[in-house]
Amino acid sequence: MKRILIYFLLLIGLVNTIHAQTLEQNNDFNCYDFNGIYLPIEFITSLEHTKNYTTAMNLNKDYKYYTVLIVTRDRIICDIHQYDTYQTVPVLEITKYQFEYNDGCILTDENGNTYKKISDDIDSYYNNTYNNFIINTVMKELIDQGGIIINDAGFIIPSLHNKRFGVVAYIYNYSINANLYLADELGNQYTLEISDNEYILYRLDTRTWERTTIFWSVKIE
């Protein structure tokens, strides 16, 4: 009888262990590997293919998915479609989010939209990671040739005496389909347009939202 009781207790322990492992694998926040910053896969794919941030952002002009998700062990922080405004997913809704490994960490939200992790870093200001991802994707070839140098959440152009630029993010329906909208440290704005391996930086008139003169250009051979 004692032996049967021992076996029974061991069986309960095994079942509980399997259940706990299943929860750990499927629960959104029990696996530290999934912690990080996620962007929509549709956005990433478009950005990599077109090198055009405006085009990629306009895919979501109807707000069908979140712009960014920040995943920690016990919460998900998501944008609510207003610049720099975020909310935490309520605990009761966390189970609606699913995670899997498929060429990286993939998250599926409550509406079936998919996101891919771009960074493990959840401690620094997330906008730096977001902006650097955009710059590295859109301007990869120019970076590889030393035409620009990543600097914090922006970049510098050595040939312009290390003048620094930052990305103007979260834009929709701008009149110019620029690869990037940029601003310098004085607040002057520019559009970056890429054509036939040439990177052209135009001054932007913010009163009319029209480009004016060429500020800088370089062609990659």
Protein backbone atom coordinates (compact mmCIF):
# COMPACT_ATOMS: atom_id res chain seq x y z
CA MET A 1 0.00 0.00 0.00
CA LYS A 2 2.84 2.37 0.87
CA ARG A 3 4.51 1.56 -2.44
CA ILE A 4 1.30 2.35 -4.33
CA LEU A 5 0.99 5.65 -2.44
CA ILE A 6 4.59 6.56 -3.28
CA TYR A 7 4.01 5.79 -6.97
CA PHE A 8 0.82 7.87 -6.87
CA LEU A 9 2.62 10.83 -5.32
CA LEU A 10 5.43 10.53 -7.86
CA LEU A 11 2.86 10.48 -10.66
CA ILE A 12 1.21 13.63 -9.32
CA GLY A 13 4.61 15.28 -9.12
CA LEU A 14 5.39 14.30 -12.71
CA VAL A 15 2.07 15.63 -13.97
CA ASN A 16 2.59 18.89 -12.11
CA THR A 17 6.11 19.17 -13.53
CA ILE A 18 4.87 18.62 -17.10
CA HIS A 19 2.07 21.13 -16.52
CA ALA A 20 4.50 23.70 -15.15
CA GLN A 21 6.83 23.20 -18.13
CA THR A 22 3.93 23.61 -20.53
CA LEU A 23 2.89 26.83 -18.83
CA GLU A 24 6.47 28.04 -18.93
CA GLN A 25 6.71 27.34 -22.64
CA ASN A 26 3.35 28.86 -23.52
CA ASN A 27 2.97 31.60 -20.94
CA ASP A 28 4.04 34.89 -22.47
CA PHE A 29 6.19 36.04 -19.60
CA ASN A 30 7.84 32.97 -18.07
CA CYS A 31 10.59 32.81 -20.67
CA TYR A 32 13.23 35.54 -20.41
CA ASP A 33 14.37 34.78 -23.97
CA PHE A 34 11.24 36.50 -25.26
CA ASN A 35 11.90 39.74 -23.40
CA GLY A 36 12.68 42.57 -25.76
CA ILE A 37 11.40 45.06 -28.32
CA TYR A 38 9.14 43.81 -31.12
CA LEU A 39 8.08 45.39 -34.41
CA PRO A 40 5.36 44.24 -36.84
CA ILE A 41 6.66 41.71 -39.35
CA GLU A 42 4.78 43.45 -42.16
CA PHE A 43 6.58 46.70 -41.29
CA ILE A 44 10.00 44.99 -41.08
CA THR A 45 9.52 43.18 -44.39
CA SER A 46 8.47 46.36 -46.19
CA LEU A 47 11.32 48.38 -44.69
CA GLU A 48 13.91 45.78 -45.70
CA HIS A 49 12.50 45.48 -49.22
CA THR A 50 11.79 49.13 -50.06
CA LYS A 51 14.29 50.92 -47.78
CA ASN A 52 11.44 53.39 -47.37
CA TYR A 53 10.20 54.22 -43.87
CA THR A 54 7.27 56.27 -45.14
CA THR A 55 5.97 53.37 -47.24
CA ALA A 56 6.39 50.91 -44.38
CA MET A 57 4.58 53.16 -41.89
CA ASN A 58 1.70 53.86 -44.27
CA LEU A 59 0.90 50.15 -44.38
CA ASN A 60 -0.53 50.72 -40.90
CA LYS A 61 -2.25 54.05 -41.43
CA ASP A 62 -5.52 52.39 -40.36
CA TYR A 63 -3.87 51.21 -37.11
CA LYS A 64 -4.49 47.52 -37.68
CA TYR A 65 -1.52 46.59 -35.48
CA TYR A 66 0.72 48.15 -32.84
CA THR A 67 3.73 50.17 -33.95
CA VAL A 68 5.93 48.64 -31.25
CA LEU A 69 5.61 46.17 -28.39
CA ILE A 70 7.94 46.09 -25.39
CA VAL A 71 7.89 42.71 -23.64
CA THR A 72 9.15 42.15 -20.11
CA ARG A 73 8.76 39.16 -17.81
CA ASP A 74 5.44 40.34 -16.39
CA ARG A 75 3.94 42.78 -18.85
CA ILE A 76 3.63 43.98 -22.44
CA ILE A 77 3.78 47.71 -23.15
CA CYS A 78 2.13 48.73 -26.41
CA ASP A 79 1.43 51.98 -28.20
CA ILE A 80 -2.13 53.19 -28.52
CA HIS A 81 -1.58 54.91 -31.85
CA GLN A 82 -0.58 58.26 -30.43
CA TYR A 83 2.98 59.53 -30.51
CA ASP A 84 4.91 58.46 -27.41
CA THR A 85 1.74 57.29 -25.61
CA TYR A 86 1.69 53.75 -24.29
CA GLN A 87 -0.33 51.41 -22.16
CA THR A 88 0.33 48.12 -20.41
CA VAL A 89 -1.64 45.09 -21.57
CA PRO A 90 -4.00 44.08 -18.71
CA VAL A 91 -2.95 40.88 -16.93
CA LEU A 92 -6.16 39.08 -17.93
CA GLU A 93 -5.39 39.71 -21.61
CA ILE A 94 -1.80 38.50 -21.53
CA THR A 95 -2.80 34.95 -22.44
CA LYS A 96 -4.12 36.24 -25.78
CA TYR A 97 -0.52 36.81 -26.87
CA GLN A 98 1.41 33.83 -28.22
CA PHE A 99 5.16 33.38 -28.62
CA GLU A 100 7.21 31.04 -30.77
CA TYR A 101 10.69 30.59 -32.20
CA ASN A 102 10.75 30.87 -36.00
CA ASP A 103 13.96 32.42 -37.28
CA GLY A 104 13.90 34.55 -34.13
CA CYS A 105 11.35 35.34 -31.45
CA ILE A 106 7.88 35.86 -32.91
CA LEU A 107 4.87 37.30 -31.07
CA THR A 108 1.27 37.04 -32.21
CA ASP A 109 -1.19 39.53 -30.72
CA GLU A 110 -4.87 39.10 -29.86
CA ASN A 111 -5.89 39.95 -33.45
CA GLY A 112 -3.49 37.55 -35.16
CA ASN A 113 -0.91 40.18 -36.13
CA THR A 114 2.70 39.00 -35.93
CA TYR A 115 5.76 40.81 -34.59
CA LYS A 116 9.48 39.99 -34.52
CA LYS A 117 11.96 40.83 -31.79
CA ILE A 118 14.61 43.29 -32.93
CA SER A 119 16.44 43.74 -29.63
CA ASP A 120 16.88 42.18 -26.19
CA ASP A 121 17.49 45.60 -24.66
CA ILE A 122 14.48 46.67 -22.62
CA ASP A 123 16.44 48.78 -20.12
CA SER A 124 17.44 51.66 -22.36
CA TYR A 125 15.08 54.20 -23.89
CA TYR A 126 13.31 52.12 -26.51
CA ASN A 127 13.17 54.96 -29.07
CA ASN A 128 16.94 54.71 -29.47
CA THR A 129 16.63 51.05 -30.44
CA TYR A 130 13.70 51.76 -32.75
CA ASN A 131 15.43 54.64 -34.55
CA ASN A 132 18.72 52.79 -34.89
CA PHE A 133 16.91 49.80 -36.40
CA ILE A 134 15.35 52.09 -39.00
CA ILE A 135 18.66 53.77 -39.84
CA ASN A 136 20.53 50.46 -40.05
CA THR A 137 17.88 48.99 -42.36
CA VAL A 138 17.31 51.94 -44.69
CA MET A 139 20.94 53.10 -44.92
CA LYS A 140 22.80 49.79 -44.54
CA GLU A 141 24.85 50.11 -47.75
CA LEU A 142 25.90 53.65 -46.89
CA ILE A 143 26.87 52.59 -43.37
CA ASP A 144 28.93 49.69 -44.74
CA GLN A 145 30.92 52.14 -46.89
CA GLY A 146 31.50 54.58 -44.03
CA GLY A 147 29.30 57.31 -45.50
CA ILE A 148 27.54 57.77 -42.17
CA ILE A 149 28.28 56.68 -38.61
CA ILE A 150 25.57 55.62 -36.14
CA ASN A 151 25.58 57.92 -33.13
CA ASP A 152 23.17 57.31 -30.22
CA ALA A 153 19.68 57.37 -31.77
CA GLY A 154 20.84 59.08 -34.95
CA PHE A 155 23.85 59.33 -37.21
CA ILE A 156 26.61 61.71 -38.23
CA ILE A 157 27.92 62.47 -41.70
CA PRO A 158 31.73 62.74 -41.62
CA SER A 159 31.86 64.68 -44.90
CA LEU A 160 29.64 67.38 -43.34
CA HIS A 161 32.00 67.98 -40.40
CA ASN A 162 30.21 65.29 -38.38
CA LYS A 163 26.84 67.01 -38.60
CA ARG A 164 24.30 64.94 -36.69
CA PHE A 165 20.82 63.89 -37.83
CA GLY A 166 17.97 62.02 -36.18
CA VAL A 167 14.94 60.19 -37.56
CA VAL A 168 11.55 61.91 -37.49
CA ALA A 169 9.53 58.83 -36.55
CA TYR A 170 5.83 57.88 -36.43
CA ILE A 171 4.80 59.70 -39.58
CA TYR A 172 1.77 58.98 -41.73
CA ASN A 173 0.52 60.43 -45.01
CA TYR A 174 3.29 62.93 -45.59
CA SER A 175 3.14 64.50 -49.05
CA ILE A 176 6.61 63.26 -50.04
CA ASN A 177 7.23 59.53 -50.14
CA ALA A 178 10.71 59.98 -48.71
CA ASN A 179 12.86 57.07 -47.58
CA LEU A 180 13.38 58.93 -44.31
CA TYR A 181 12.35 62.19 -42.71
CA LEU A 182 15.25 63.64 -40.70
CA ALA A 183 16.02 66.55 -38.41
CA ASP A 184 19.30 68.12 -37.36
CA GLU A 185 20.19 69.34 -33.89
CA LEU A 186 18.80 72.80 -34.66
CA GLY A 187 15.41 71.40 -35.59
CA ASN A 188 15.80 71.89 -39.34
CA GLN A 189 14.07 69.11 -41.24
CA TYR A 190 15.08 67.15 -44.32
CA THR A 191 13.97 64.29 -46.52
CA LEU A 192 16.32 61.50 -47.51
CA GLU A 193 15.57 60.01 -50.90
CA ILE A 194 17.40 57.04 -52.38
CA SER A 195 17.48 56.43 -56.12
CA ASP A 196 19.89 54.35 -58.22
CA ASN A 197 22.30 53.98 -55.28
CA GLU A 198 22.35 57.75 -54.74
CA TYR A 199 21.45 59.18 -51.32
CA ILE A 200 20.05 62.72 -51.61
CA LEU A 201 19.29 64.91 -48.60
CA TYR A 202 16.80 67.68 -49.38
CA ARG A 203 15.96 70.63 -47.17
CA LEU A 204 12.30 70.54 -46.14
CA ASP A 205 10.05 73.57 -45.83
CA THR A 206 7.88 72.68 -42.82
CA ARG A 207 5.33 75.36 -43.72
CA THR A 208 4.41 73.68 -46.99
CA TRP A 209 5.93 70.23 -46.33
CA GLU A 210 7.70 70.48 -49.66
CA ARG A 211 11.37 69.85 -50.29
CA THR A 212 13.44 72.80 -51.49
CA THR A 213 17.15 72.48 -52.31
CA ILE A 214 19.62 69.62 -52.16
CA PHE A 215 21.61 69.83 -48.93
CA TRP A 216 23.91 66.84 -49.48
CA SER A 217 24.23 63.83 -51.76
CA VAL A 218 26.47 60.83 -52.25
CA LYS A 219 26.43 57.95 -54.72
CA ILE A 220 27.48 54.42 -53.84
CA GLU A 221 29.48 52.70 -56.53
